[in-house]
Amino acid sequence: MTVSSFNLSKQAPARLTSLTVDKFLKSQKNLSKPSPKLWPNDPQLRIPASGNIHQHPPPILQTFESCTSFNQFNQIHAQLLVSGLRKQLPVTSRVVRKLCNYLHCFTCPFGKICAEIKSLQEGGKVHTRVLKLGSQSDLFVKNSLIRLYSVCGQIGSAREVFDDGVVLDLVSWNSMIDGYVKNGQVGIARELFNEMSERDTFSWNIIIAGYVGVGKMEVARELFEKMPGRDAISWNSMIDGYERIENVSEARNLFDRMSERNIVSWNIILALYVRCKKYVNQALMLFDRIMETGEVRPNNASLVSVLTACATLGRLDKGLWVHSFIENNKIKCDVLLSTALLTMYAKCGAMDLARDVFDMEKRGQTPNAVTFTSCLSACKYSGKVLEGW
């Protein structure tokens, strides 16, 4: 059975760019209304208790293997998406093999599937099928392959796909530049960036983040100042770069220049103040400003920084207030936040409270190595060796 045997002319637009293909796919596959026989809680969709899909494959895979049309394929694939089964490598392998029999660029973002789980082997099979069917010139197919090879570290193969393209769009260029940046080749990424006839915000953010990642802040700042239409990601990327090299003045300067800040912006500055010991008190002042203005809502990362500052300064009063804030707002304490609480109480000499935090197993959590180390250190410095034992 070949692609030509399916009449898709009435189902798909004559030309669809890769920028809009996701919207098209969603319109073709209504994930909120799955097939009546395949609801998300259907036993067919359950992952085996053993977790071994090879030995105990979900029944839906047998149904999937027997499907004979695009419509059936799309319905079952939608169920795999909803249930989360598609992220399982054995399931993805079957999806790819089945897709290769009925390959069409509007049926399924197969390159994305392989890239998500970094399955170069399955992606290679799809690429081979693409070449056999002559679909390599399709932009969506090409961009999916560029991303696949880039994510899997095969930047040379990604470039071959890119250079093969007679027609490339903005997504093609951005994917290739992002691939070089992610693989540590910022110089080549910059060469491609300079060749672009059209750039969007994502293009600028990729190259700026690339230079930030390799510590070339002067070049990153030069590009940042030239960038039109900077967004929160652009600002946060630069602030994060200065945070990495502990340049407090430049980081705060950019932070103050931002017209709209999100929680990431505040968290970067909080973390910077905590890292630079002489600015720890300013971390608490900045947190007070967050609470007073209500501009953003603190998250776990914010609270970890504040509790670390309290521990450094011995501010038990502030630490108690933060703990109360966590409980009153029903914020779920992960291991990092629980460890920060424990460390704060221990360093402030409140060993009974530290012990209460350590007994987090009663709340269904399991202490990690850092938690145990913090508790043992606290016992050592407070002279409670037997408690540590």
Foldseek 3Di string as FASTA:
>chain_A
DEQVVDPCPVPDDPDDALVCLVVSLCVVAVLVDADPVQDLPPQLLDQDPVNDCPVPPRNLLVVCVPDDDLVSNSRSVSSCVVNVVLLDVVNLLSNLVVCLVNPDLNRDLNLVSCLSNLPVPSLVVNVVSCVVNVVLQRASNLLSNLLSCLSNLNLVVSVVSLVPHPDYDQSSLLSNLLSCLVNLNLVVSVVSLVVDPDDDQSSLLSSLLSCLVVLNLVVSVVSLVVDPPHDQSSLLSSLLSCLVVLVLVVSVVSLVVDPAYEQSSLLSNLQSLLVPPVSLVVSVVSVVVCVVVVSYDDALSSLLSNLSSCLSVLVVVVLVVSVVVCVVVVHDDAQSSLLSSLLSCLSNPNLVVSVVSLVCVVVVHDHDPSSLVSNCVSCVVNVNNVVND
